[in-house]
Protein backbone atom coordinates (compact mmCIF):
# COMPACT_ATOMS: atom_id res chain seq x y z
CA UNK A 1 -26.78 -8.24 6.98
CA UNK A 2 -30.77 -8.29 7.39
CA UNK A 3 -32.77 -9.52 4.77
CA UNK A 4 -34.58 -5.96 4.23
CA UNK A 5 -30.92 -4.51 3.73
CA UNK A 6 -30.06 -7.38 0.97
CA UNK A 7 -33.41 -6.76 -0.89
CA UNK A 8 -32.89 -2.87 -0.79
CA UNK A 9 -29.29 -3.41 -2.03
CA UNK A 10 -30.69 -5.66 -4.84
CA UNK A 11 -33.21 -3.04 -5.87
CA UNK A 12 -30.97 -0.32 -5.98
CA UNK A 13 -28.59 -2.45 -8.29
CA UNK A 14 -31.87 -3.65 -10.35
CA UNK A 15 -32.65 0.31 -10.69
CA UNK A 16 -29.19 1.44 -12.01
CA UNK A 17 -29.09 -1.71 -14.27
CA UNK A 18 -32.33 -0.47 -15.93
CA UNK A 19 -31.22 3.03 -16.29
CA UNK A 20 -27.91 1.47 -17.97
CA UNK A 21 -29.48 -0.93 -20.30
CA UNK A 22 -28.69 -1.42 -23.77
CA UNK A 23 -31.40 0.45 -25.97
CA UNK A 24 -31.92 1.41 -29.46
CA UNK A 25 -31.60 5.12 -29.30
CA UNK A 26 -33.22 7.34 -31.89
CA UNK A 27 -31.39 10.86 -32.39
CA UNK A 28 -32.10 12.96 -29.51
CA UNK A 29 -32.75 16.83 -29.85
CA UNK A 30 -31.27 17.65 -26.24
CA UNK A 31 -28.05 16.90 -24.46
CA UNK A 32 -28.51 14.19 -21.93
CA UNK A 33 -27.45 16.39 -18.99
CA UNK A 34 -30.68 18.30 -19.31
CA UNK A 35 -31.22 19.53 -15.58
CA UNK A 36 -31.67 23.21 -15.92
CA UNK A 37 -34.47 24.58 -13.02
CA UNK A 38 -31.60 23.84 -10.13
CA UNK A 39 -32.21 25.53 -6.67
CA UNK A 40 -30.24 25.15 -3.40
CA UNK A 41 -31.84 25.20 -0.12
CA UNK A 42 -30.41 24.34 3.36
CA UNK A 43 -31.85 21.86 5.38
CA UNK A 44 -33.64 22.47 8.66
CA UNK A 45 -32.84 19.09 10.71
CA UNK A 46 -31.33 16.64 8.14
CA UNK A 47 -27.80 16.27 8.24
CA UNK A 48 -25.38 14.72 5.65
CA UNK A 49 -21.83 13.79 4.90
CA UNK A 50 -20.28 12.74 1.74
CA UNK A 51 -17.98 10.27 3.41
CA UNK A 52 -20.35 7.64 4.76
CA UNK A 53 -17.39 4.89 4.87
CA UNK A 54 -16.17 6.85 7.79
CA UNK A 55 -18.54 4.93 10.10
CA UNK A 56 -17.26 1.62 9.23
CA UNK A 57 -13.47 2.73 9.61
CA UNK A 58 -14.26 4.11 13.04
CA UNK A 59 -16.16 0.69 13.97
CA UNK A 60 -12.89 -1.09 12.77
CA UNK A 61 -10.79 0.90 14.58
CA UNK A 62 -12.84 0.43 17.96
CA UNK A 63 -13.67 -3.39 17.42
CA UNK A 64 -10.09 -4.25 16.80
CA UNK A 65 -9.00 -2.69 19.93
CA UNK A 66 -6.79 -0.06 18.07
CA UNK A 67 -8.36 2.86 20.24
CA UNK A 68 -7.91 1.32 23.51
CA UNK A 69 -4.17 0.32 22.45
CA UNK A 70 -3.12 3.79 21.50
CA UNK A 71 -4.39 5.56 24.65
CA UNK A 72 -2.95 2.70 26.80
CA UNK A 73 0.80 2.66 25.15
CA UNK A 74 1.35 6.21 23.76
CA UNK A 75 1.77 8.89 26.43
CA UNK A 76 2.38 12.48 24.99
CA UNK A 77 -0.57 14.41 27.00
CA UNK A 78 -0.16 14.93 30.58
CA UNK A 79 -3.72 16.13 30.98
CA UNK A 80 -6.41 15.06 28.23
CA UNK A 81 -7.98 18.60 27.86
CA UNK A 82 -10.14 17.76 26.12
CA UNK A 83 -8.56 15.00 23.59
CA UNK A 84 -6.73 11.87 23.96
CA UNK A 85 -3.71 10.21 22.00
CA UNK A 86 -6.06 8.28 20.06
CA UNK A 87 -8.09 11.22 18.92
CA UNK A 88 -5.01 13.00 17.48
CA UNK A 89 -3.57 9.91 15.74
CA UNK A 90 -7.02 8.70 14.20
CA UNK A 91 -8.02 12.43 13.31
CA UNK A 92 -4.84 12.46 11.05
CA UNK A 93 -5.98 9.01 9.65
CA UNK A 94 -9.73 9.99 9.07
CA UNK A 95 -8.85 13.23 7.43
CA UNK A 96 -6.85 11.25 4.60
CA UNK A 97 -10.02 8.79 4.60
CA UNK A 98 -12.19 11.60 3.96
CA UNK A 99 -10.35 12.71 1.06
CA UNK A 100 -7.90 15.33 2.64
CA UNK A 101 -4.59 15.71 1.57
CA UNK A 102 -2.72 18.05 4.11
CA UNK A 103 -3.48 18.94 7.58
CA UNK A 104 -4.92 22.22 6.52
CA UNK A 105 -8.21 20.10 5.18
CA UNK A 106 -9.11 19.09 8.63
CA UNK A 107 -10.61 22.61 9.35
CA UNK A 108 -13.23 21.98 6.94
CA UNK A 109 -13.91 18.45 8.62
CA UNK A 110 -14.27 20.09 12.10
CA UNK A 111 -16.66 22.58 10.85
CA UNK A 112 -19.11 20.02 9.57
CA UNK A 113 -21.78 19.46 12.12
CA UNK A 114 -22.82 16.06 10.49
CA UNK A 115 -19.32 14.60 10.35
CA UNK A 116 -18.98 15.43 14.26
CA UNK A 117 -21.98 13.90 14.83
CA UNK A 118 -21.19 10.75 12.71
CA UNK A 119 -17.97 10.14 14.96
CA UNK A 120 -19.78 11.08 18.29
CA UNK A 121 -17.70 13.92 19.06
CA UNK A 122 -18.40 17.27 20.07
CA UNK A 123 -15.49 18.76 18.45
CA UNK A 124 -11.99 17.35 16.98
CA UNK A 125 -8.48 18.86 16.99
CA UNK A 126 -7.71 21.68 14.43
CA UNK A 127 -4.67 21.59 11.98
CA UNK A 128 -2.71 23.96 14.36
CA UNK A 129 -3.07 21.53 17.55
CA UNK A 130 -2.31 18.51 15.24
CA UNK A 131 0.75 20.10 14.26
CA UNK A 132 1.71 20.93 17.82
CA UNK A 133 1.02 17.32 18.68
CA UNK A 134 3.47 16.00 15.87
CA UNK A 135 6.10 18.12 17.27
CA UNK A 136 5.64 16.27 20.86
CA UNK A 137 6.93 13.21 19.23
CA UNK A 138 10.43 11.80 20.21
CA UNK A 139 11.83 8.57 18.52
CA UNK A 140 10.96 6.13 21.30
CA UNK A 141 7.30 7.45 20.91
CA UNK A 142 7.16 6.80 17.12
CA UNK A 143 8.45 3.28 17.69
CA UNK A 144 5.70 2.64 20.32
CA UNK A 145 3.24 4.01 18.13
CA UNK A 146 4.23 1.83 15.44
CA UNK A 147 4.53 -1.34 17.85
CA UNK A 148 0.99 -0.63 18.83
CA UNK A 149 -0.58 -0.79 15.51
CA UNK A 150 1.49 -3.91 14.72
CA UNK A 151 0.14 -5.30 17.98
CA UNK A 152 -3.31 -4.72 16.77
CA UNK A 153 -2.33 -6.03 13.59
CA UNK A 154 -1.77 -9.59 14.80
CA UNK A 155 -5.29 -9.56 15.99
CA UNK A 156 -6.45 -8.68 12.70
CA UNK A 157 -4.06 -11.52 11.09
CA UNK A 158 -5.43 -14.02 13.38
CA UNK A 159 -8.59 -13.97 11.85
CA UNK A 160 -7.17 -15.23 8.43
CA UNK A 161 -7.01 -18.76 7.25
CA UNK A 162 -4.62 -21.29 7.74
CA UNK A 163 -3.08 -20.69 4.11
CA UNK A 164 -2.44 -17.23 4.67
CA UNK A 165 0.06 -18.12 7.13
CA UNK A 166 2.58 -20.26 4.78
CA UNK A 167 5.10 -17.74 4.04
CA UNK A 168 5.54 -13.90 4.82
CA UNK A 169 7.27 -11.95 2.27
CA UNK A 170 8.96 -8.78 3.88
CA UNK A 171 9.95 -6.33 1.10
CA UNK A 172 12.21 -3.20 1.99
CA UNK A 173 12.88 -0.20 -0.11
CA UNK A 174 13.47 3.48 0.42
CA UNK A 175 12.05 6.40 -1.51
CA UNK A 176 12.66 10.13 -1.71
CA UNK A 177 10.24 12.65 0.00
CA UNK A 178 10.96 16.11 -1.74
CA UNK A 179 10.09 19.18 0.16
CA UNK A 180 9.64 22.74 -0.92
CA UNK A 181 10.25 24.04 2.51
CA UNK A 182 13.85 25.63 3.56
CA UNK A 183 13.78 25.55 7.16
CA UNK A 184 12.97 22.07 7.93
CA UNK A 185 15.39 20.44 10.42
CA UNK A 186 16.90 17.40 8.92
CA UNK A 187 16.37 17.73 5.37
CA UNK A 188 19.36 17.22 2.89
CA UNK A 189 20.31 17.02 -0.85
CA UNK A 190 19.79 13.45 -2.24
CA UNK A 191 21.78 12.17 -4.74
CA UNK A 192 18.95 13.31 -7.46
CA UNK A 193 19.58 16.90 -6.38
CA UNK A 194 16.43 17.18 -4.32
CA UNK A 195 15.87 18.63 -1.07
CA UNK A 196 13.97 16.50 1.49
CA UNK A 197 14.06 13.55 3.11
CA UNK A 198 14.43 9.61 2.41
CA UNK A 199 12.27 7.41 4.09
CA UNK A 200 12.47 3.55 4.39
CA UNK A 201 9.56 1.23 4.11
CA UNK A 202 9.31 -2.33 5.27
CA UNK A 203 5.93 -3.84 4.22
CA UNK A 204 4.38 -7.17 4.16
CA UNK A 205 4.02 -8.34 0.36
CA UNK A 206 1.14 -10.49 1.30
CA UNK A 207 -1.36 -7.71 1.98
CA UNK A 208 0.40 -4.78 1.19
CA UNK A 209 0.63 -3.30 4.62
CA UNK A 210 3.32 -0.85 5.79
CA UNK A 211 4.60 -2.68 9.03
CA UNK A 212 7.64 0.00 9.88
CA UNK A 213 8.12 3.44 8.44
CA UNK A 214 11.70 5.02 9.42
CA UNK A 215 12.11 8.84 8.00
CA UNK A 216 15.91 9.75 7.43
CA UNK A 217 17.45 12.66 6.04
CA UNK A 218 17.46 13.10 2.34
CA UNK A 219 21.27 12.09 2.02
CA UNK A 220 21.43 8.96 3.65
CA UNK A 221 22.02 5.66 2.05
CA UNK A 222 18.67 3.75 0.63
CA UNK A 223 19.53 0.72 2.95
CA UNK A 224 20.58 2.40 5.95
CA UNK A 225 19.51 0.78 9.18
CA UNK A 226 17.24 -1.71 6.97
CA UNK A 227 18.78 -4.97 8.75
CA UNK A 228 17.16 -3.84 12.10
CA UNK A 229 13.89 -3.04 10.67
CA UNK A 230 13.64 -6.20 8.82
CA UNK A 231 14.43 -8.26 11.80
CA UNK A 232 11.82 -6.31 13.72
CA UNK A 233 9.20 -7.26 10.68
CA UNK A 234 10.53 -10.81 11.02
CA UNK A 235 9.95 -11.30 14.74
CA UNK A 236 6.36 -9.75 14.18
CA UNK A 237 5.41 -12.28 11.57
CA UNK A 238 6.82 -15.01 13.46
CA UNK A 239 4.68 -13.96 16.61
CA UNK A 240 1.56 -13.94 14.30
CA UNK A 241 2.46 -17.72 13.23
CA UNK A 242 3.98 -17.66 9.63
CA UNK A 243 5.85 -20.64 9.13
CA UNK A 244 8.22 -19.49 6.65
CA UNK A 245 10.02 -15.82 6.63
CA UNK A 246 11.34 -14.33 2.97
CA UNK A 247 13.26 -11.11 2.93
CA UNK A 248 13.36 -9.41 -0.69
CA UNK A 249 14.92 -6.12 -1.65
CA UNK A 250 16.92 -4.43 -4.55
CA UNK A 251 20.45 -4.38 -5.22
CA UNK A 252 20.87 -1.57 -2.22
CA UNK A 253 19.45 -4.16 0.27
CA UNK A 254 21.87 -7.09 -0.12
CA UNK A 255 22.66 -6.95 3.84
CA UNK A 256 25.36 -9.31 3.29
CA UNK A 257 26.71 -8.64 6.98
CA UNK A 258 23.33 -10.26 7.99
CA UNK A 259 23.24 -13.21 5.70
CA UNK A 260 24.44 -15.49 7.61
CA UNK A 261 22.74 -14.97 10.68
CA UNK A 262 19.35 -14.90 8.68
CA UNK A 263 20.28 -18.18 7.10
CA UNK A 264 21.25 -19.97 10.27
CA UNK A 265 17.75 -18.38 11.53
CA UNK A 266 15.97 -20.34 9.04
CA UNK A 267 15.03 -17.12 7.12
CA UNK A 268 15.07 -17.04 3.53
CA UNK A 269 15.92 -14.10 1.11
CA UNK A 270 16.28 -13.17 -2.34
CA UNK A 271 18.25 -9.74 -2.76
CA UNK A 272 19.47 -8.00 -5.99
CA UNK A 273 23.39 -7.90 -5.82
CA UNK A 274 25.43 -5.29 -7.92
CA UNK A 275 26.87 -6.39 -11.28
CA UNK A 276 30.42 -6.44 -9.61
CA UNK A 277 33.40 -7.08 -12.21
CA UNK A 278 34.11 -10.63 -10.18
CA UNK A 279 30.56 -11.79 -10.56
CA UNK A 280 30.32 -10.46 -14.27
CA UNK A 281 33.83 -12.66 -14.91
CA UNK A 282 32.34 -15.60 -13.35
CA UNK A 283 29.08 -15.30 -15.32
CA UNK A 284 31.10 -14.94 -18.42
CA UNK A 285 33.12 -17.95 -17.63
CA UNK A 286 29.92 -20.31 -17.59
CA UNK A 287 29.94 -23.03 -19.82
CA UNK A 288 26.96 -22.81 -22.45
CA UNK A 289 25.02 -25.72 -20.89
CA UNK A 290 24.51 -23.93 -17.92
CA UNK A 291 22.28 -21.26 -19.68
CA UNK A 292 18.77 -21.71 -20.14
CA UNK A 293 16.35 -19.39 -22.14
CA UNK A 294 14.27 -17.46 -19.78
CA UNK A 295 10.55 -17.65 -20.55
CA UNK A 296 8.47 -14.96 -18.60
CA UNK A 297 4.59 -15.84 -17.68
CA UNK A 298 2.29 -13.53 -19.48
CA UNK A 299 1.17 -10.44 -17.32
CA UNK A 300 -2.50 -11.47 -17.93
CA UNK A 301 -4.64 -14.08 -19.80
CA UNK A 302 -6.97 -12.82 -22.49
CA UNK A 303 -10.57 -13.49 -21.45
CA UNK A 304 -12.20 -13.07 -24.70
CA UNK A 305 -10.77 -13.57 -28.15
CA UNK A 306 -7.42 -11.70 -28.64
CA UNK A 307 -7.48 -8.27 -30.62
CA UNK A 308 -5.00 -7.09 -32.96
CA UNK A 309 -2.54 -4.85 -31.24
CA UNK A 310 -2.37 -0.98 -32.01
CA UNK A 311 0.57 0.84 -33.59
CA UNK A 312 3.33 1.57 -31.12
CA UNK A 313 3.40 5.10 -31.86
CA UNK A 314 6.47 5.60 -29.40
CA UNK A 315 8.43 3.11 -31.79
CA UNK A 316 7.37 4.58 -34.94
CA UNK A 317 8.57 8.40 -33.77
CA UNK A 318 12.02 6.95 -32.22
CA UNK A 319 12.55 5.36 -35.62
CA UNK A 320 11.50 8.29 -37.66
CA UNK A 321 13.66 10.50 -35.72
CA UNK A 322 16.61 8.12 -35.54
CA UNK A 323 16.56 8.40 -31.84
CA UNK A 324 18.88 5.70 -29.98
CA UNK A 325 16.87 2.90 -28.97
CA UNK A 326 17.59 -0.48 -26.83
CA UNK A 327 15.45 -3.20 -27.38
CA UNK A 328 15.49 -6.53 -25.55
CA UNK A 329 16.44 -9.50 -27.94
CA UNK A 330 16.20 -12.49 -25.32
CA UNK A 331 17.04 -13.37 -21.87
CA UNK A 332 19.12 -16.38 -20.40
CA UNK A 333 19.40 -17.62 -16.90
CA UNK A 334 21.80 -19.60 -14.85
CA UNK A 335 23.11 -20.09 -11.59
CA UNK A 336 26.39 -20.46 -9.62
CA UNK A 337 27.76 -20.64 -5.82
CA UNK A 338 29.36 -17.57 -4.27
CA UNK A 339 30.67 -16.03 -0.97
CA UNK A 340 30.29 -12.57 -0.48
CA UNK A 341 33.34 -11.10 1.66
CA UNK A 342 31.42 -10.29 4.53
CA UNK A 343 29.70 -14.07 4.82
CA UNK A 344 31.29 -17.34 5.94
CA UNK A 345 29.51 -19.64 4.12
CA UNK A 346 28.57 -19.45 0.14
CA UNK A 347 25.20 -18.91 -1.32
CA UNK A 348 23.24 -19.59 -4.59
CA UNK A 349 23.30 -16.53 -7.22
CA UNK A 350 21.34 -16.52 -9.99
CA UNK A 351 22.25 -14.66 -12.96
CA UNK A 352 20.21 -13.14 -15.73
CA UNK A 353 21.88 -12.53 -19.05
CA UNK A 354 19.88 -9.71 -21.06
CA UNK A 355 20.88 -9.70 -24.94
CA UNK A 356 19.92 -6.06 -25.90
CA UNK A 357 20.20 -4.37 -29.59
CA UNK A 358 21.08 -0.57 -29.98
CA UNK A 359 19.57 0.69 -32.76
CA UNK A 360 19.14 4.19 -34.33
CA UNK A 361 16.51 4.55 -36.93
CA UNK A 362 16.48 1.33 -39.01
CA UNK A 363 20.05 0.66 -38.60
CA UNK A 364 21.54 -1.78 -36.03
CA UNK A 365 24.45 -0.21 -34.23
CA UNK A 366 25.81 -2.99 -32.18
CA UNK A 367 24.80 -5.62 -29.55
CA UNK A 368 24.78 -5.29 -26.00
CA UNK A 369 24.84 -7.76 -23.18
CA UNK A 370 24.19 -6.87 -19.42
CA UNK A 371 23.99 -9.22 -16.46
CA UNK A 372 21.46 -9.23 -13.63
CA UNK A 373 22.32 -10.90 -10.23
CA UNK A 374 20.21 -12.12 -7.26
CA UNK A 375 21.72 -13.93 -4.29
CA UNK A 376 19.45 -16.29 -2.43
CA UNK A 377 19.67 -19.23 0.00
CA UNK A 378 16.48 -20.92 -1.69
CA UNK A 379 18.30 -23.83 -3.15
CA UNK A 380 15.25 -26.02 -4.25
CA UNK A 381 13.11 -23.82 -6.73
CA UNK A 382 14.50 -23.73 -10.37
CA UNK A 383 16.87 -20.56 -11.17
CA UNK A 384 13.69 -19.62 -13.79
CA UNK A 385 11.39 -19.29 -10.82
CA UNK A 386 13.70 -17.39 -8.36
CA UNK A 387 13.92 -14.24 -11.18
CA UNK A 388 10.07 -13.66 -11.09
CA UNK A 389 10.00 -14.11 -7.33
CA UNK A 390 12.81 -11.53 -7.03
CA UNK A 391 10.71 -9.48 -9.26
CA UNK A 392 8.00 -9.30 -7.30
CA UNK A 393 9.60 -7.04 -4.98
CA UNK A 394 8.72 -4.25 -7.64
CA UNK A 395 5.20 -4.11 -6.40
CA UNK A 396 6.20 -2.40 -3.34
CA UNK A 397 6.91 0.30 -5.83
CA UNK A 398 3.11 0.51 -6.36
CA UNK A 399 2.54 0.40 -2.56
CA UNK A 400 5.14 3.42 -2.03
CA UNK A 401 2.92 5.35 -4.69
CA UNK A 402 -0.13 4.86 -2.92
CA UNK A 403 1.49 6.14 0.34
CA UNK A 404 3.13 9.05 -1.46
CA UNK A 405 -0.02 10.24 -3.73
CA UNK A 406 -2.79 8.15 -2.79
CA UNK A 407 -2.77 8.63 1.16
CA UNK A 408 -0.34 11.74 1.15
CA UNK A 409 1.37 10.33 3.85
CA UNK A 410 5.12 11.76 2.85
CA UNK A 411 3.96 15.40 2.34
CA UNK A 412 6.15 16.33 5.10
CA UNK A 413 3.99 19.27 6.59
CA UNK A 414 5.76 19.79 9.94
CA UNK A 415 8.95 21.18 10.79
CA UNK A 416 11.66 18.57 11.30
CA UNK A 417 12.51 14.85 10.77
CA UNK A 418 11.01 13.60 13.54
CA UNK A 419 7.74 15.29 13.50
CA UNK A 420 7.49 14.61 10.05
CA UNK A 421 7.99 10.91 10.64
CA UNK A 422 5.43 10.99 13.25
CA UNK A 423 2.84 12.60 10.80
CA UNK A 424 4.17 9.98 8.24
CA UNK A 425 3.13 7.01 10.50
CA UNK A 426 -0.26 8.73 11.38
CA UNK A 427 -1.21 9.24 8.06
CA UNK A 428 -0.14 5.85 6.62
CA UNK A 429 -2.68 4.49 9.24
CA UNK A 430 -5.57 5.24 6.52
CA UNK A 431 -3.90 2.60 4.25
CA UNK A 432 -3.40 0.12 6.80
CA UNK A 433 -7.13 0.59 7.99
CA UNK A 434 -8.09 0.04 4.23
CA UNK A 435 -6.37 -3.23 4.20
CA UNK A 436 -7.74 -4.15 7.55
CA UNK A 437 -11.18 -3.79 6.03
CA UNK A 438 -10.45 -5.90 3.57
CA UNK A 439 -9.20 -8.69 5.97
CA UNK A 440 -11.86 -8.74 8.50
CA UNK A 441 -14.46 -9.47 5.52
CA UNK A 442 -15.99 -13.03 6.14
CA UNK A 443 -15.05 -15.54 3.29
CA UNK A 444 -17.24 -18.59 4.42
CA UNK A 445 -20.60 -19.46 3.02
CA UNK A 446 -22.64 -20.11 0.09
CA UNK A 447 -20.87 -17.31 -2.06
CA UNK A 448 -17.47 -18.11 -0.72
CA UNK A 449 -15.68 -17.57 -4.10
CA UNK A 450 -17.25 -14.20 -4.96
CA UNK A 451 -16.43 -13.13 -1.29
CA UNK A 452 -12.64 -14.40 -1.53
CA UNK A 453 -12.57 -12.34 -5.04
CA UNK A 454 -14.17 -9.19 -3.45
CA UNK A 455 -11.85 -9.45 -0.64
CA UNK A 456 -8.81 -9.81 -2.80
CA UNK A 457 -10.28 -6.68 -4.84
CA UNK A 458 -10.39 -4.42 -1.90
CA UNK A 459 -6.94 -5.52 -0.44
CA UNK A 460 -5.40 -4.58 -3.78
CA UNK A 461 -7.28 -1.47 -4.64
CA UNK A 462 -5.53 1.81 -5.13
CA UNK A 463 -6.63 4.29 -2.68
CA UNK A 464 -8.13 6.83 -4.93
CA UNK A 465 -10.61 4.00 -6.03
CA UNK A 466 -11.16 3.06 -2.24
CA UNK A 467 -12.35 6.52 -1.41
CA UNK A 468 -14.50 6.81 -4.47
CA UNK A 469 -15.86 3.40 -3.92
CA UNK A 470 -16.11 2.77 -0.49
CA UNK A 471 -15.71 5.99 1.59
CA UNK A 472 -17.46 8.59 -0.35
CA UNK A 473 -20.90 7.45 0.07
CA UNK A 474 -23.55 10.34 0.83
CA UNK A 475 -25.49 9.57 3.65
CA UNK A 476 -27.88 11.04 6.43
CA UNK A 477 -26.71 11.06 9.90
CA UNK A 478 -29.55 10.36 12.36
CA UNK A 479 -28.97 10.43 16.10
CA UNK A 480 -31.33 9.00 18.49
CA UNK A 481 -31.86 6.31 20.92
CA UNK A 482 -28.42 5.80 21.77
CA UNK A 483 -27.57 5.11 18.09
CA UNK A 484 -25.86 6.66 15.35
CA UNK A 485 -27.63 5.70 12.28
CA UNK A 486 -25.91 6.17 8.58
CA UNK A 487 -28.70 6.12 6.40
CA UNK A 488 -26.79 5.71 2.82
CA UNK A 489 -28.49 7.80 0.00
CA UNK A 490 -27.33 6.23 -3.09
CA UNK A 491 -26.21 2.85 -4.28
CA UNK A 492 -22.89 1.72 -5.56
CA UNK A 493 -21.55 -1.74 -6.39
CA UNK A 494 -19.21 -1.66 -3.34
CA UNK A 495 -22.01 -1.14 -0.85
CA UNK A 496 -22.63 -5.00 -0.21
CA UNK A 497 -19.00 -5.49 0.47
CA UNK A 498 -18.96 -2.24 3.06
CA UNK A 499 -22.08 -3.74 4.88
CA UNK A 500 -20.79 -7.07 4.89
CA UNK A 501 -17.62 -5.55 6.78
CA UNK A 502 -20.00 -3.62 9.17
CA UNK A 503 -22.07 -6.82 10.05
CA UNK A 504 -18.92 -8.68 10.68
CA UNK A 505 -17.52 -6.21 12.97
CA UNK A 506 -20.71 -5.79 15.24
CA UNK A 507 -20.33 -9.59 15.66
CA UNK A 508 -17.70 -10.55 18.50
CA UNK A 509 -14.34 -10.78 16.92
CA UNK A 510 -13.39 -14.46 16.58
CA UNK A 511 -9.59 -15.42 16.18
């Protein structure tokens, strides 16, 4: 980043800090928003776009080799008239990055001259053409696209520091993707009574990246096929150089038929396991000395002085109306060895005993004891550390939420299971590109602590926040001298991060 750019960023920050400074206001006669004499005009030569961050994303796709890799490996078009496969794939992802939520929003972008200039394109595919492209996919093509993205992912990972490769934590979970359509092939009724599909997500918890997305009919079991896709994800992480692999999943993903194989291969796992009667009987038969109180770490540390907690309105209403209320009294943890029926050896089972009280109004009805079991081949960590490690898998629910309602990757806009699977993979690329933009940020230098904090903030950022802070930057598009210049028209706190990423991408990518 040049010194002039640094100075302009500093000036923008100073100007907004001056406007937002603390002041001793006197009573104002007029509202703060006092604009009245407003006129609209059409610019003659100046062209601008609202999503100024799209240039950095396109530069990222080009410099990581994603565009070339898609065109090299994915062959769906016999003749390129005029689009290539990468044009279609990135068109879907860029539509999401520009704030679109469905295929129809592409029509708004392809009618913006400045947006086309920003990407150096004469035109981009329209929504109907994109739908036709999705319908060209067959299952091998989708697998090819996912593997192509993962090949590029290896190059992005290779830029990370050595501690990044200590352990790859791979999570698996299913989610329901309901649809209102009546003619969508492959949809079915889920266990919740909803029509739709039941995608499987296998992700890397370290960075929140979706490694594999698999579309399935709505009535299929949550864990169907999970063993195969977990194995593929593990192979990918081993190629990247991760020294340890850890699988996590809830009770539907125990995969007892795979545990012996994974243990022999040196892979670690923590899976929830159903509270079957035989496990409950073993837990109830443990001596009292085997149990320890489970003390969970606080969710956050108070940076300032503690404040008084506000009244719990929900709790008050439940008591007043004498609703049945289940409250957690205490948690105990213990462990024992157990051999599942499908396994040839025993593994460690950590059991959490939750002591609950069931109340109605102010009256205590009865006490309730519930057991939660986790099976693992990790013998060294104490049992009280296994529980939060297993519960950390719940963060994948946040990733699913972001893919669903942030990137809108599970809208299922096309007509059958395979074409909707293709759209899901292409739309989820928007979230992947967000993660890659964070991962290419350099951390070294005088301000390395601040840079590392910014990198982690961008990596964990919600998609809506990312769009508002990094993508939706109003800017002027200037073409000339074989350059496309994005001239930012306003300042926000994330501009520095975006410009540092662009500066890093303009340099040769070092692995």
